[in-house]
């Protein structure tokens, strides 16, 4: 099971919007049962980065983070949304291999 962390500044509204789009995409691709989606705010997640396979973020992620980070802002604006969804899907598929 792969773990994806969706983070934003406050861990509420923005990350909720992003996580819903990810859930929809993963469901459409029959991947939802293979992925755990978690959400939070960047400050609370600082000590748990290594517990996740991918981070989708709408805010700054500290440089010391060694986890694959995807910029989730396009999932909010709609501009470049498909590219981000494809990026997440491709990175998950690579890790399933």
C-alpha atoms as a PDB file:
ATOM      1  CA  UNK A   1       0.000   0.000   0.000  1.00  0.00           C
ATOM      2  CA  UNK A   2       1.416   3.366  -1.032  1.00  0.00           C
ATOM      3  CA  UNK A   3       0.917   6.443   1.132  1.00  0.00           C
ATOM      4  CA  UNK A   4       0.282   9.904  -0.248  1.00  0.00           C
ATOM      5  CA  UNK A   5       0.334  12.957   1.993  1.00  0.00           C
ATOM      6  CA  UNK A   6      -1.590  16.015   0.830  1.00  0.00           C
ATOM      7  CA  UNK A   7      -0.517  19.148   2.685  1.00  0.00           C
ATOM      8  CA  UNK A   8      -1.375  22.806   2.739  1.00  0.00           C
ATOM      9  CA  UNK A   9      -0.754  25.693   5.103  1.00  0.00           C
ATOM     10  CA  UNK A  10      -3.600  25.018   7.542  1.00  0.00           C
ATOM     11  CA  UNK A  11      -4.425  21.403   6.698  1.00  0.00           C
ATOM     12  CA  UNK A  12      -8.099  22.022   6.059  1.00  0.00           C
ATOM     13  CA  UNK A  13      -9.713  23.599   2.997  1.00  0.00           C
ATOM     14  CA  UNK A  14      -6.997  23.519   0.359  1.00  0.00           C
ATOM     15  CA  UNK A  15      -5.777  20.023   1.152  1.00  0.00           C
ATOM     16  CA  UNK A  16      -9.385  18.797   1.241  1.00  0.00           C
ATOM     17  CA  UNK A  17     -10.009  20.116  -2.273  1.00  0.00           C
ATOM     18  CA  UNK A  18      -6.818  18.477  -3.548  1.00  0.00           C
ATOM     19  CA  UNK A  19      -7.459  15.161  -1.828  1.00  0.00           C
ATOM     20  CA  UNK A  20     -10.949  14.950  -3.350  1.00  0.00           C
ATOM     21  CA  UNK A  21      -9.512  15.395  -6.851  1.00  0.00           C
ATOM     22  CA  UNK A  22      -6.888  12.740  -6.161  1.00  0.00           C
ATOM     23  CA  UNK A  23      -9.522  10.333  -4.828  1.00  0.00           C
ATOM     24  CA  UNK A  24     -11.606  10.793  -7.966  1.00  0.00           C
ATOM     25  CA  UNK A  25      -8.620  10.188 -10.254  1.00  0.00           C
ATOM     26  CA  UNK A  26      -7.422   7.149  -8.317  1.00  0.00           C
ATOM     27  CA  UNK A  27     -10.920   5.703  -8.309  1.00  0.00           C
ATOM     28  CA  UNK A  28     -11.210   6.190 -12.088  1.00  0.00           C
ATOM     29  CA  UNK A  29      -7.900   4.341 -12.522  1.00  0.00           C
ATOM     30  CA  UNK A  30      -8.788   1.539 -10.078  1.00  0.00           C
ATOM     31  CA  UNK A  31      -5.921   2.563  -7.802  1.00  0.00           C
ATOM     32  CA  UNK A  32      -7.877   3.835  -4.816  1.00  0.00           C
ATOM     33  CA  UNK A  33      -7.640   0.498  -2.987  1.00  0.00           C
ATOM     34  CA  UNK A  34      -3.850   0.531  -3.376  1.00  0.00           C
ATOM     35  CA  UNK A  35      -3.233   4.023  -2.017  1.00  0.00           C
ATOM     36  CA  UNK A  36      -3.749   5.586   1.405  1.00  0.00           C
ATOM     37  CA  UNK A  37      -4.452   9.311   1.223  1.00  0.00           C
ATOM     38  CA  UNK A  38      -3.597  11.442   4.249  1.00  0.00           C
ATOM     39  CA  UNK A  39      -3.899  15.163   4.717  1.00  0.00           C
ATOM     40  CA  UNK A  40      -2.459  17.740   7.040  1.00  0.00           C
ATOM     41  CA  UNK A  41      -0.639  20.987   7.426  1.00  0.00           C
ATOM     42  CA  UNK A  42       3.010  21.376   6.642  1.00  0.00           C
ATOM     43  CA  UNK A  43       4.079  22.208  10.201  1.00  0.00           C
ATOM     44  CA  UNK A  44       2.487  19.080  11.724  1.00  0.00           C
ATOM     45  CA  UNK A  45       3.963  16.786   9.128  1.00  0.00           C
ATOM     46  CA  UNK A  46       7.580  17.890   9.544  1.00  0.00           C
ATOM     47  CA  UNK A  47       8.636  14.866  11.570  1.00  0.00           C
ATOM     48  CA  UNK A  48       6.774  12.224   9.515  1.00  0.00           C
ATOM     49  CA  UNK A  49       7.958  12.837   5.943  1.00  0.00           C
ATOM     50  CA  UNK A  50       9.628   9.446   5.630  1.00  0.00           C
ATOM     51  CA  UNK A  51       6.309   7.668   6.251  1.00  0.00           C
ATOM     52  CA  UNK A  52       4.995   8.702   2.821  1.00  0.00           C
ATOM     53  CA  UNK A  53       5.816   7.707  -0.733  1.00  0.00           C
ATOM     54  CA  UNK A  54       4.605  10.938  -2.359  1.00  0.00           C
ATOM     55  CA  UNK A  55       3.711  14.370  -1.032  1.00  0.00           C
ATOM     56  CA  UNK A  56       1.271  16.580  -2.917  1.00  0.00           C
ATOM     57  CA  UNK A  57       1.624  20.084  -1.573  1.00  0.00           C
ATOM     58  CA  UNK A  58       0.034  23.469  -2.117  1.00  0.00           C
ATOM     59  CA  UNK A  59       2.610  25.161   0.083  1.00  0.00           C
ATOM     60  CA  UNK A  60       6.353  25.294   0.631  1.00  0.00           C
ATOM     61  CA  UNK A  61       7.992  21.987   1.560  1.00  0.00           C
ATOM     62  CA  UNK A  62      11.299  22.197   3.446  1.00  0.00           C
ATOM     63  CA  UNK A  63      14.365  21.399   1.347  1.00  0.00           C
ATOM     64  CA  UNK A  64      15.490  18.604   3.663  1.00  0.00           C
ATOM     65  CA  UNK A  65      12.488  16.461   2.750  1.00  0.00           C
ATOM     66  CA  UNK A  66      13.668  13.350   0.883  1.00  0.00           C
ATOM     67  CA  UNK A  67      10.217  12.284  -0.339  1.00  0.00           C
ATOM     68  CA  UNK A  68       8.969  12.803  -3.903  1.00  0.00           C
ATOM     69  CA  UNK A  69       7.033  16.118  -3.858  1.00  0.00           C
ATOM     70  CA  UNK A  70       4.418  17.138  -6.431  1.00  0.00           C
ATOM     71  CA  UNK A  71       3.162  20.723  -6.671  1.00  0.00           C
ATOM     72  CA  UNK A  72      -0.595  20.489  -6.072  1.00  0.00           C
ATOM     73  CA  UNK A  73      -1.498  24.131  -6.795  1.00  0.00           C
ATOM     74  CA  UNK A  74      -2.774  23.335 -10.321  1.00  0.00           C
ATOM     75  CA  UNK A  75      -5.384  21.085  -8.708  1.00  0.00           C
ATOM     76  CA  UNK A  76      -6.819  24.240  -7.155  1.00  0.00           C
ATOM     77  CA  UNK A  77      -6.541  26.576 -10.121  1.00  0.00           C
ATOM     78  CA  UNK A  78      -7.462  24.066 -12.816  1.00  0.00           C
ATOM     79  CA  UNK A  79      -4.555  25.275 -14.956  1.00  0.00           C
ATOM     80  CA  UNK A  80      -2.284  22.278 -15.481  1.00  0.00           C
ATOM     81  CA  UNK A  81      -4.536  20.016 -13.423  1.00  0.00           C
ATOM     82  CA  UNK A  82      -4.326  17.070 -15.811  1.00  0.00           C
ATOM     83  CA  UNK A  83      -0.521  17.259 -15.835  1.00  0.00           C
ATOM     84  CA  UNK A  84      -0.401  17.045 -12.042  1.00  0.00           C
ATOM     85  CA  UNK A  85      -2.837  14.137 -11.920  1.00  0.00           C
ATOM     86  CA  UNK A  86      -0.752  12.312 -14.530  1.00  0.00           C
ATOM     87  CA  UNK A  87       2.415  13.044 -12.548  1.00  0.00           C
ATOM     88  CA  UNK A  88       0.967  11.558  -9.375  1.00  0.00           C
ATOM     89  CA  UNK A  89      -0.375   8.547 -11.245  1.00  0.00           C
ATOM     90  CA  UNK A  90       2.950   7.921 -13.007  1.00  0.00           C
ATOM     91  CA  UNK A  91       4.932   8.184  -9.793  1.00  0.00           C
ATOM     92  CA  UNK A  92       2.597   5.785  -8.038  1.00  0.00           C
ATOM     93  CA  UNK A  93       2.785   3.347 -10.954  1.00  0.00           C
ATOM     94  CA  UNK A  94       6.604   3.485 -10.807  1.00  0.00           C
ATOM     95  CA  UNK A  95       6.505   2.598  -7.142  1.00  0.00           C
ATOM     96  CA  UNK A  96       4.068  -0.281  -7.712  1.00  0.00           C
ATOM     97  CA  UNK A  97       6.539  -1.835 -10.175  1.00  0.00           C
END
